[in-house]
Amino acid sequence: MKRSKFNSINIWPGFVDAISTLLLVFVFLLAVLMISENFLTQAIFGKNTALDNLRSRIKSLELNIEEGTEENIKLSKLLKNLNIKLEKLIIEKENTDKNLIEEKKNNENLSLDLEGLEKKIIGLLDELGIEKLKITEKENINRELNSTVAQLNDNIISLNKKIKTVQNMLETSNKDINNKNLEIENLSEKLNQALEQKVGELEEYRSEFFGRLKKIIGDEEEINVVGDRFVLQSEVFFSSGSAEIGKEGKEKVIEITKVLISISKKIPNNLDWLIQVEGHTDNIPISTVEFPSNWELSTARAISVAKIMMKNGIPSNKINVAGYGEHKPLVKNNDSFNREKNRRIELKLTQP
């Protein structure tokens, strides 16, 4: 009996120790998993807080930048870069969330070993350290942006002061301009009055000139008065396409010249005058070696009349010559009768 008792071995204490050890290991693993999960949750919460702070700062910077001038373009570029980095952080956060979900699944299955957890914890700590560095860099950038915005505000204030100074100068200039405009208006009124007086003085002699010419001309249809001009049809003076005055035309010009000379003797010396000689043609084009266009023909005809007048006593400084070709018709050039009316020489007693 004693021998059998001696040979029986009691294994329960060792079994209990083994089970206790396993339970302790299991509890330790669970504690480590809970700690790592809590740590990851706090890290993600810290990232969310940092991201919210960045968003609020970026929004405030955007509001400040909208009120700036051209230098705000640089700030907007920096904000774009911040937004890009913010998107990257969001992507990293999403990746971290995915990792957390995977960690939870792994924790539920209790398939992670202690060494794997330690490695992941070390990796997460490294990532958190990098994120902290990134957040620090963002804060530094925000400080620089804030200082830049303050400088912009100072520049805007100084610019506003300069604008006020310029506005004051402009107001003063506008007052001077208004005063000068009033002076100009007064001078214009005086000048118009003087011109009206001079024109009125010359009008007497013009009326006498035209009146005496009408008596000389009589009932000739080719010579008449239109407004303040004496109109002579070209057929009286020139052949078709020619600027040479015929005998009859020369006689008419000499008669007109004599009348003008007798009237000019009555005009006071202080009243300046001149006789305007204008040549006109119809709209039928001419193209010869001597006259390439109607403009040359009308000018040459006016010069021919002016030469006869100067030859018979009108001073050259009292004659002005112009050729208008077909560009100033009396009537429309739509038939031969109207075209004949438009081929003419006009004389006008006027002032320079």
Foldseek 3Di string as FASTA:
>chain_A
DVVVVVPDDDCVVVVVVVVVVVVVQVVVLLVLLVVLLVVLVVLLVVLVVLLVVLVVLLVVLVVLLVPFPPVSVVVVVVSVVVVVVSVVSVVVSVVSVVVSVVSVVCVVVVVDDPVNSVVVSVVVVVVSVVVVVVSVVSVVVSVVSVVVSVVRVVVVVVVVVVVVVVVVVVVVVVVVVVVVVVVVVVVVVVVVVVVVVLVVLVVVLLVVLQVVLCVVVPPDPQWDDDDQKTKHFCVQFDDPPDLHGDPRRLVSLLVSLVSVVVSVVVRDPVRAKAKEKEFEAAPDFDPDPQDHTQQSSRQSNSVNSVVSSVVNPDPPVRYHTGYDYRPDQPDHRPDPVSRSRRGIMMIGMGHD
